[in-house]
């Protein structure tokens, strides 16, 4: 698989959708997850992202706490399309 990682925050997505991201957990541990990107977190949920309007960012959702920002992303690339069932 070709390595197509783009460093974040130097490069930011333009489309609001899911991406494959590398997240830095500790100084020597990283994981790959799927995260959502929004060009405007405030429009996603004003109650959870009320501090700064018109700010882009990565986010996730927790059924108990609601939306929250994911701040430890260090790189991203487009996510592959989901597998189609036959």
PDB file of N, CA and C in Angstrom:
ATOM      1  N   UNK A   1       0.846  -1.180   0.000  1.00  0.00           N
ATOM      2  CA  UNK A   1       0.000   0.000   0.000  1.00  0.00           C
ATOM      3  C   UNK A   1       0.888   1.238   0.000  1.00  0.00           C
ATOM      4  N   UNK A   2       0.592   2.169  -0.879  1.00  0.00           N
ATOM      5  CA  UNK A   2       1.391   3.380  -0.990  1.00  0.00           C
ATOM      6  C   UNK A   2       1.130   4.299   0.202  1.00  0.00           C
ATOM      7  N   UNK A   3       2.187   4.917   0.670  1.00  0.00           N
ATOM      8  CA  UNK A   3       2.099   5.810   1.823  1.00  0.00           C
ATOM      9  C   UNK A   3       1.675   7.200   1.361  1.00  0.00           C
ATOM     10  N   UNK A   4       0.417   7.584   1.625  1.00  0.00           N
ATOM     11  CA  UNK A   4      -0.124   8.864   1.176  1.00  0.00           C
ATOM     12  C   UNK A   4      -0.459   9.791   2.335  1.00  0.00           C
ATOM     13  N   UNK A   5       0.251   9.691   3.434  1.00  0.00           N
ATOM     14  CA  UNK A   5      -0.069  10.499   4.608  1.00  0.00           C
ATOM     15  C   UNK A   5       0.284  11.962   4.378  1.00  0.00           C
ATOM     16  N   UNK A   6      -0.630  12.841   4.783  1.00  0.00           N
ATOM     17  CA  UNK A   6      -0.390  14.278   4.755  1.00  0.00           C
ATOM     18  C   UNK A   6      -0.231  14.754   6.191  1.00  0.00           C
ATOM     19  N   UNK A   7       0.820  15.533   6.484  1.00  0.00           N
ATOM     20  CA  UNK A   7       1.005  15.991   7.859  1.00  0.00           C
ATOM     21  C   UNK A   7      -0.066  17.007   8.258  1.00  0.00           C
ATOM     22  N   UNK A   8      -0.524  16.880   9.497  1.00  0.00           N
ATOM     23  CA  UNK A   8      -1.506  17.811  10.058  1.00  0.00           C
ATOM     24  C   UNK A   8      -0.851  18.511  11.236  1.00  0.00           C
ATOM     25  N   UNK A   9      -0.948  19.797  11.355  1.00  0.00           N
ATOM     26  CA  UNK A   9      -1.897  20.727  10.740  1.00  0.00           C
ATOM     27  C   UNK A   9      -1.404  21.444   9.482  1.00  0.00           C
ATOM     28  N   UNK A  10      -0.237  21.067   8.954  1.00  0.00           N
ATOM     29  CA  UNK A  10       0.258  21.756   7.752  1.00  0.00           C
ATOM     30  C   UNK A  10      -0.735  21.656   6.601  1.00  0.00           C
ATOM     31  N   UNK A  11      -1.346  20.481   6.438  1.00  0.00           N
ATOM     32  CA  UNK A  11      -2.348  20.268   5.397  1.00  0.00           C
ATOM     33  C   UNK A  11      -3.660  19.892   6.058  1.00  0.00           C
ATOM     34  N   UNK A  12      -4.753  20.518   5.612  1.00  0.00           N
ATOM     35  CA  UNK A  12      -6.077  20.255   6.177  1.00  0.00           C
ATOM     36  C   UNK A  12      -7.009  19.781   5.071  1.00  0.00           C
ATOM     37  N   UNK A  13      -7.907  18.851   5.378  1.00  0.00           N
ATOM     38  CA  UNK A  13      -8.883  18.428   4.372  1.00  0.00           C
ATOM     39  C   UNK A  13      -9.788  19.587   3.973  1.00  0.00           C
ATOM     40  N   UNK A  14     -10.373  19.480   2.800  1.00  0.00           N
ATOM     41  CA  UNK A  14     -11.329  20.489   2.350  1.00  0.00           C
ATOM     42  C   UNK A  14     -12.757  19.950   2.378  1.00  0.00           C
ATOM     43  N   UNK A  15     -12.922  18.638   2.254  1.00  0.00           N
ATOM     44  CA  UNK A  15     -14.254  18.033   2.257  1.00  0.00           C
ATOM     45  C   UNK A  15     -14.623  17.539   3.642  1.00  0.00           C
ATOM     46  N   UNK A  16     -15.877  17.713   4.018  1.00  0.00           N
ATOM     47  CA  UNK A  16     -16.362  17.225   5.303  1.00  0.00           C
ATOM     48  C   UNK A  16     -16.785  15.770   5.144  1.00  0.00           C
ATOM     49  N   UNK A  17     -15.911  14.882   5.588  1.00  0.00           N
ATOM     50  CA  UNK A  17     -16.177  13.456   5.519  1.00  0.00           C
ATOM     51  C   UNK A  17     -15.215  12.733   6.450  1.00  0.00           C
ATOM     52  N   UNK A  18     -15.195  11.411   6.378  1.00  0.00           N
ATOM     53  CA  UNK A  18     -14.297  10.630   7.225  1.00  0.00           C
ATOM     54  C   UNK A  18     -12.951  10.425   6.527  1.00  0.00           C
ATOM     55  N   UNK A  19     -11.902  10.425   7.351  1.00  0.00           N
ATOM     56  CA  UNK A  19     -10.541  10.213   6.858  1.00  0.00           C
ATOM     57  C   UNK A  19      -9.826   9.214   7.754  1.00  0.00           C
ATOM     58  N   UNK A  20      -8.823   8.578   7.196  1.00  0.00           N
ATOM     59  CA  UNK A  20      -7.908   7.771   7.989  1.00  0.00           C
ATOM     60  C   UNK A  20      -6.914   8.732   8.615  1.00  0.00           C
ATOM     61  N   UNK A  21      -6.722   8.647   9.926  1.00  0.00           N
ATOM     62  CA  UNK A  21      -5.791   9.556  10.589  1.00  0.00           C
ATOM     63  C   UNK A  21      -4.805   8.774  11.447  1.00  0.00           C
ATOM     64  N   UNK A  22      -3.630   9.350  11.624  1.00  0.00           N
ATOM     65  CA  UNK A  22      -2.671   8.856  12.599  1.00  0.00           C
ATOM     66  C   UNK A  22      -2.775   9.760  13.809  1.00  0.00           C
ATOM     67  N   UNK A  23      -2.967   9.126  14.960  1.00  0.00           N
ATOM     68  CA  UNK A  23      -3.076   9.881  16.212  1.00  0.00           C
ATOM     69  C   UNK A  23      -1.903   9.520  17.112  1.00  0.00           C
ATOM     70  N   UNK A  24      -1.302  10.541  17.716  1.00  0.00           N
ATOM     71  CA  UNK A  24      -0.168  10.342  18.611  1.00  0.00           C
ATOM     72  C   UNK A  24      -0.698  10.196  20.032  1.00  0.00           C
ATOM     73  N   UNK A  25      -0.500   9.010  20.621  1.00  0.00           N
ATOM     74  CA  UNK A  25      -0.986   8.756  21.973  1.00  0.00           C
ATOM     75  C   UNK A  25       0.050   9.120  23.021  1.00  0.00           C
ATOM     76  N   UNK A  26       1.272   8.737  22.805  1.00  0.00           N
ATOM     77  CA  UNK A  26       2.383   9.079  23.696  1.00  0.00           C
ATOM     78  C   UNK A  26       3.586   9.383  22.817  1.00  0.00           C
ATOM     79  N   UNK A  27       4.699   9.660  23.417  1.00  0.00           N
ATOM     80  CA  UNK A  27       5.879  10.016  22.618  1.00  0.00           C
ATOM     81  C   UNK A  27       6.305   8.906  21.675  1.00  0.00           C
ATOM     82  N   UNK A  28       6.053   7.652  22.004  1.00  0.00           N
ATOM     83  CA  UNK A  28       6.491   6.567  21.127  1.00  0.00           C
ATOM     84  C   UNK A  28       5.352   5.647  20.694  1.00  0.00           C
ATOM     85  N   UNK A  29       4.116   6.069  20.850  1.00  0.00           N
ATOM     86  CA  UNK A  29       2.982   5.222  20.457  1.00  0.00           C
ATOM     87  C   UNK A  29       2.005   6.014  19.606  1.00  0.00           C
ATOM     88  N   UNK A  30       1.659   5.427  18.447  1.00  0.00           N
ATOM     89  CA  UNK A  30       0.705   6.046  17.530  1.00  0.00           C
ATOM     90  C   UNK A  30      -0.308   4.987  17.098  1.00  0.00           C
ATOM     91  N   UNK A  31      -1.526   5.434  16.758  1.00  0.00           N
ATOM     92  CA  UNK A  31      -2.543   4.527  16.246  1.00  0.00           C
ATOM     93  C   UNK A  31      -3.170   5.131  14.991  1.00  0.00           C
ATOM     94  N   UNK A  32      -3.788   4.276  14.186  1.00  0.00           N
ATOM     95  CA  UNK A  32      -4.522   4.711  13.008  1.00  0.00           C
ATOM     96  C   UNK A  32      -6.000   4.492  13.288  1.00  0.00           C
ATOM     97  N   UNK A  33      -6.806   5.539  13.102  1.00  0.00           N
ATOM     98  CA  UNK A  33      -8.250   5.461  13.309  1.00  0.00           C
ATOM     99  C   UNK A  33      -8.961   6.166  12.156  1.00  0.00           C
ATOM    100  N   UNK A  34     -10.256   6.053  12.131  1.00  0.00           N
ATOM    101  CA  UNK A  34     -11.081   6.802  11.186  1.00  0.00           C
ATOM    102  C   UNK A  34     -11.726   7.936  11.972  1.00  0.00           C
ATOM    103  N   UNK A  35     -11.565   9.161  11.486  1.00  0.00           N
ATOM    104  CA  UNK A  35     -12.122  10.334  12.166  1.00  0.00           C
ATOM    105  C   UNK A  35     -12.886  11.186  11.173  1.00  0.00           C
ATOM    106  N   UNK A  36     -13.845  11.938  11.696  1.00  0.00           N
ATOM    107  CA  UNK A  36     -14.604  12.880  10.892  1.00  0.00           C
ATOM    108  C   UNK A  36     -13.931  14.248  10.911  1.00  0.00           C
ATOM    109  N   UNK A  37     -14.018  14.951   9.791  1.00  0.00           N
ATOM    110  CA  UNK A  37     -13.489  16.305   9.658  1.00  0.00           C
ATOM    111  C   UNK A  37     -14.642  17.265   9.386  1.00  0.00           C
ATOM    112  N   UNK A  38     -14.606  18.420  10.016  1.00  0.00           N
ATOM    113  CA  UNK A  38     -15.581  19.471   9.750  1.00  0.00           C
ATOM    114  C   UNK A  38     -14.850  20.767   9.450  1.00  0.00           C
ATOM    115  N   UNK A  39     -15.325  21.482   8.443  1.00  0.00           N
ATOM    116  CA  UNK A  39     -14.765  22.799   8.134  1.00  0.00           C
ATOM    117  C   UNK A  39     -15.244  23.853   9.124  1.00  0.00           C
ATOM    118  N   UNK A  40     -16.274  23.518   9.907  1.00  0.00           N
ATOM    119  CA  UNK A  40     -16.798  24.449  10.900  1.00  0.00           C
ATOM    120  C   UNK A  40     -17.423  23.645  12.045  1.00  0.00           C
ATOM    121  N   UNK A  41     -16.671  23.424  13.101  1.00  0.00           N
ATOM    122  CA  UNK A  41     -17.155  22.625  14.231  1.00  0.00           C
ATOM    123  C   UNK A  41     -18.394  23.244  14.871  1.00  0.00           C
ATOM    124  N   UNK A  42     -18.486  24.566  14.891  1.00  0.00           N
ATOM    125  CA  UNK A  42     -19.630  25.240  15.496  1.00  0.00           C
ATOM    126  C   UNK A  42     -20.931  24.859  14.788  1.00  0.00           C
ATOM    127  N   UNK A  43     -20.897  24.762  13.459  1.00  0.00           N
ATOM    128  CA  UNK A  43     -22.090  24.362  12.715  1.00  0.00           C
ATOM    129  C   UNK A  43     -22.444  22.896  12.959  1.00  0.00           C
ATOM    130  N   UNK A  44     -21.455  22.089  13.293  1.00  0.00           N
ATOM    131  CA  UNK A  44     -21.715  20.671  13.588  1.00  0.00           C
ATOM    132  C   UNK A  44     -22.560  20.548  14.843  1.00  0.00           C
ATOM    133  N   UNK A  45     -22.197  21.276  15.889  1.00  0.00           N
ATOM    134  CA  UNK A  45     -22.966  21.266  17.132  1.00  0.00           C
ATOM    135  C   UNK A  45     -22.593  22.496  17.969  1.00  0.00           C
ATOM    136  N   UNK A  46     -23.401  23.558  17.915  1.00  0.00           N
ATOM    137  CA  UNK A  46     -23.084  24.792  18.656  1.00  0.00           C
ATOM    138  C   UNK A  46     -22.990  24.587  20.163  1.00  0.00           C
ATOM    139  N   UNK A  47     -23.684  23.618  20.705  1.00  0.00           N
ATOM    140  CA  UNK A  47     -23.637  23.386  22.154  1.00  0.00           C
ATOM    141  C   UNK A  47     -22.283  22.841  22.592  1.00  0.00           C
ATOM    142  N   UNK A  48     -21.672  21.993  21.778  1.00  0.00           N
ATOM    143  CA  UNK A  48     -20.394  21.391  22.151  1.00  0.00           C
ATOM    144  C   UNK A  48     -19.183  22.178  21.658  1.00  0.00           C
ATOM    145  N   UNK A  49     -19.343  22.942  20.593  1.00  0.00           N
ATOM    146  CA  UNK A  49     -18.232  23.710  20.028  1.00  0.00           C
ATOM    147  C   UNK A  49     -18.567  25.199  20.040  1.00  0.00           C
ATOM    148  N   UNK A  50     -18.949  25.719  21.191  1.00  0.00           N
ATOM    149  CA  UNK A  50     -19.431  27.100  21.285  1.00  0.00           C
ATOM    150  C   UNK A  50     -18.337  28.141  21.443  1.00  0.00           C
ATOM    151  N   UNK A  51     -17.154  27.768  21.799  1.00  0.00           N
ATOM    152  CA  UNK A  51     -16.118  28.750  22.141  1.00  0.00           C
ATOM    153  C   UNK A  51     -15.637  29.558  20.940  1.00  0.00           C
ATOM    154  N   UNK A  52     -15.348  28.873  19.841  1.00  0.00           N
ATOM    155  CA  UNK A  52     -14.818  29.564  18.663  1.00  0.00           C
ATOM    156  C   UNK A  52     -15.648  29.186  17.448  1.00  0.00           C
ATOM    157  N   UNK A  53     -16.279  30.159  16.834  1.00  0.00           N
ATOM    158  CA  UNK A  53     -17.053  29.884  15.634  1.00  0.00           C
ATOM    159  C   UNK A  53     -16.137  29.824  14.422  1.00  0.00           C
ATOM    160  N   UNK A  54     -16.598  29.119  13.409  1.00  0.00           N
ATOM    161  CA  UNK A  54     -15.887  29.005  12.127  1.00  0.00           C
ATOM    162  C   UNK A  54     -14.497  28.391  12.254  1.00  0.00           C
ATOM    163  N   UNK A  55     -14.345  27.433  13.154  1.00  0.00           N
ATOM    164  CA  UNK A  55     -13.047  26.774  13.341  1.00  0.00           C
ATOM    165  C   UNK A  55     -13.132  25.345  12.807  1.00  0.00           C
ATOM    166  N   UNK A  56     -12.210  24.954  11.903  1.00  0.00           N
ATOM    167  CA  UNK A  56     -12.214  23.576  11.419  1.00  0.00           C
ATOM    168  C   UNK A  56     -11.600  22.634  12.452  1.00  0.00           C
ATOM    169  N   UNK A  57     -11.860  21.336  12.294  1.00  0.00           N
ATOM    170  CA  UNK A  57     -11.231  20.380  13.186  1.00  0.00           C
ATOM    171  C   UNK A  57     -11.760  18.964  13.042  1.00  0.00           C
ATOM    172  N   UNK A  58     -11.067  18.057  13.712  1.00  0.00           N
ATOM    173  CA  UNK A  58     -11.445  16.653  13.782  1.00  0.00           C
ATOM    174  C   UNK A  58     -12.395  16.464  14.951  1.00  0.00           C
ATOM    175  N   UNK A  59     -13.374  15.594  14.796  1.00  0.00           N
ATOM    176  CA  UNK A  59     -14.307  15.383  15.889  1.00  0.00           C
ATOM    177  C   UNK A  59     -14.788  13.938  15.926  1.00  0.00           C
ATOM    178  N   UNK A  60     -15.394  13.594  17.052  1.00  0.00           N
ATOM    179  CA  UNK A  60     -15.994  12.277  17.245  1.00  0.00           C
ATOM    180  C   UNK A  60     -17.248  12.475  18.081  1.00  0.00           C
ATOM    181  N   UNK A  61     -17.976  11.400  18.301  1.00  0.00           N
ATOM    182  CA  UNK A  61     -19.216  11.485  19.061  1.00  0.00           C
ATOM    183  C   UNK A  61     -19.244  10.390  20.115  1.00  0.00           C
ATOM    184  N   UNK A  62     -19.635  10.758  21.308  1.00  0.00           N
ATOM    185  CA  UNK A  62     -19.805   9.819  22.409  1.00  0.00           C
ATOM    186  C   UNK A  62     -21.269   9.895  22.844  1.00  0.00           C
ATOM    187  N   UNK A  63     -21.944   8.761  22.955  1.00  0.00           N
ATOM    188  CA  UNK A  63     -23.380   8.771  23.258  1.00  0.00           C
ATOM    189  C   UNK A  63     -23.685   9.380  24.625  1.00  0.00           C
ATOM    190  N   UNK A  64     -22.724   9.361  25.531  1.00  0.00           N
ATOM    191  CA  UNK A  64     -22.950   9.939  26.861  1.00  0.00           C
ATOM    192  C   UNK A  64     -22.597  11.425  26.921  1.00  0.00           C
ATOM    193  N   UNK A  65     -21.523  11.828  26.230  1.00  0.00           N
ATOM    194  CA  UNK A  65     -21.021  13.199  26.342  1.00  0.00           C
ATOM    195  C   UNK A  65     -21.300  14.069  25.123  1.00  0.00           C
ATOM    196  N   UNK A  66     -21.683  13.476  24.009  1.00  0.00           N
ATOM    197  CA  UNK A  66     -21.935  14.244  22.792  1.00  0.00           C
ATOM    198  C   UNK A  66     -20.677  14.385  21.948  1.00  0.00           C
ATOM    199  N   UNK A  67     -20.651  15.433  21.121  1.00  0.00           N
ATOM    200  CA  UNK A  67     -19.508  15.668  20.237  1.00  0.00           C
ATOM    201  C   UNK A  67     -18.313  16.181  21.033  1.00  0.00           C
ATOM    202  N   UNK A  68     -17.133  15.798  20.580  1.00  0.00           N
ATOM    203  CA  UNK A  68     -15.903  16.318  21.174  1.00  0.00           C
ATOM    204  C   UNK A  68     -14.822  16.404  20.105  1.00  0.00           C
ATOM    205  N   UNK A  69     -13.893  17.301  20.322  1.00  0.00           N
ATOM    206  CA  UNK A  69     -12.804  17.500  19.367  1.00  0.00           C
ATOM    207  C   UNK A  69     -11.692  16.493  19.602  1.00  0.00           C
ATOM    208  N   UNK A  70     -11.143  15.976  18.518  1.00  0.00           N
ATOM    209  CA  UNK A  70      -9.992  15.064  18.567  1.00  0.00           C
ATOM    210  C   UNK A  70      -8.772  15.921  18.242  1.00  0.00           C
ATOM    211  N   UNK A  71      -7.869  16.049  19.209  1.00  0.00           N
ATOM    212  CA  UNK A  71      -6.775  17.016  19.062  1.00  0.00           C
ATOM    213  C   UNK A  71      -5.400  16.395  18.836  1.00  0.00           C
ATOM    214  N   UNK A  72      -5.282  15.079  18.861  1.00  0.00           N
ATOM    215  CA  UNK A  72      -3.956  14.461  18.751  1.00  0.00           C
ATOM    216  C   UNK A  72      -3.658  13.899  17.366  1.00  0.00           C
ATOM    217  N   UNK A  73      -4.291  14.431  16.315  1.00  0.00           N
ATOM    218  CA  UNK A  73      -4.047  13.986  14.940  1.00  0.00           C
ATOM    219  C   UNK A  73      -2.738  14.586  14.443  1.00  0.00           C
ATOM    220  N   UNK A  74      -1.885  13.743  13.864  1.00  0.00           N
ATOM    221  CA  UNK A  74      -0.613  14.226  13.315  1.00  0.00           C
ATOM    222  C   UNK A  74      -0.511  14.022  11.805  1.00  0.00           C
ATOM    223  N   UNK A  75      -1.425  13.226  11.223  1.00  0.00           N
ATOM    224  CA  UNK A  75      -1.422  12.998   9.780  1.00  0.00           C
ATOM    225  C   UNK A  75      -2.745  12.407   9.332  1.00  0.00           C
ATOM    226  N   UNK A  76      -3.045  12.535   8.049  1.00  0.00           N
ATOM    227  CA  UNK A  76      -4.304  12.026   7.527  1.00  0.00           C
ATOM    228  C   UNK A  76      -4.169  11.660   6.053  1.00  0.00           C
ATOM    229  N   UNK A  77      -5.135  10.870   5.589  1.00  0.00           N
ATOM    230  CA  UNK A  77      -5.257  10.535   4.182  1.00  0.00           C
ATOM    231  C   UNK A  77      -6.707  10.134   3.909  1.00  0.00           C
ATOM    232  N   UNK A  78      -7.149  10.179   2.654  1.00  0.00           N
ATOM    233  CA  UNK A  78      -8.517   9.767   2.366  1.00  0.00           C
ATOM    234  C   UNK A  78      -8.757   8.321   2.804  1.00  0.00           C
ATOM    235  N   UNK A  79      -9.933   8.090   3.372  1.00  0.00           N
ATOM    236  CA  UNK A  79     -10.294   6.726   3.793  1.00  0.00           C
ATOM    237  C   UNK A  79     -10.742   5.932   2.565  1.00  0.00           C
ATOM    238  N   UNK A  80     -10.466   4.644   2.537  1.00  0.00           N
ATOM    239  CA  UNK A  80     -10.949   3.832   1.419  1.00  0.00           C
ATOM    240  C   UNK A  80     -12.469   3.699   1.475  1.00  0.00           C
ATOM    241  N   UNK A  81     -13.061   3.381   0.358  1.00  0.00           N
ATOM    242  CA  UNK A  81     -14.499   3.154   0.313  1.00  0.00           C
ATOM    243  C   UNK A  81     -14.832   1.860   1.074  1.00  0.00           C
ATOM    244  N   UNK A  82     -15.973   1.835   1.767  1.00  0.00           N
ATOM    245  CA  UNK A  82     -16.367   0.608   2.473  1.00  0.00           C
ATOM    246  C   UNK A  82     -16.610  -0.544   1.498  1.00  0.00           C
ATOM    247  N   UNK A  83     -16.418  -1.745   1.984  1.00  0.00           N
ATOM    248  CA  UNK A  83     -16.644  -2.934   1.171  1.00  0.00           C
ATOM    249  C   UNK A  83     -18.136  -3.069   0.844  1.00  0.00           C
ATOM    250  N   UNK A  84     -18.435  -3.451  -0.386  1.00  0.00           N
ATOM    251  CA  UNK A  84     -19.816  -3.682  -0.790  1.00  0.00           C
ATOM    252  C   UNK A  84     -20.173  -5.139  -0.523  1.00  0.00           C
ATOM    253  N   UNK A  85     -21.363  -5.364   0.050  1.00  0.00           N
ATOM    254  CA  UNK A  85     -21.823  -6.730   0.266  1.00  0.00           C
ATOM    255  C   UNK A  85     -22.426  -7.267  -1.030  1.00  0.00           C
ATOM    256  N   UNK A  86     -22.273  -8.555  -1.224  1.00  0.00           N
ATOM    257  CA  UNK A  86     -22.839  -9.179  -2.431  1.00  0.00           C
ATOM    258  C   UNK A  86     -24.245  -9.626  -2.195  1.00  0.00           C
TER     259      UNK A  86
END
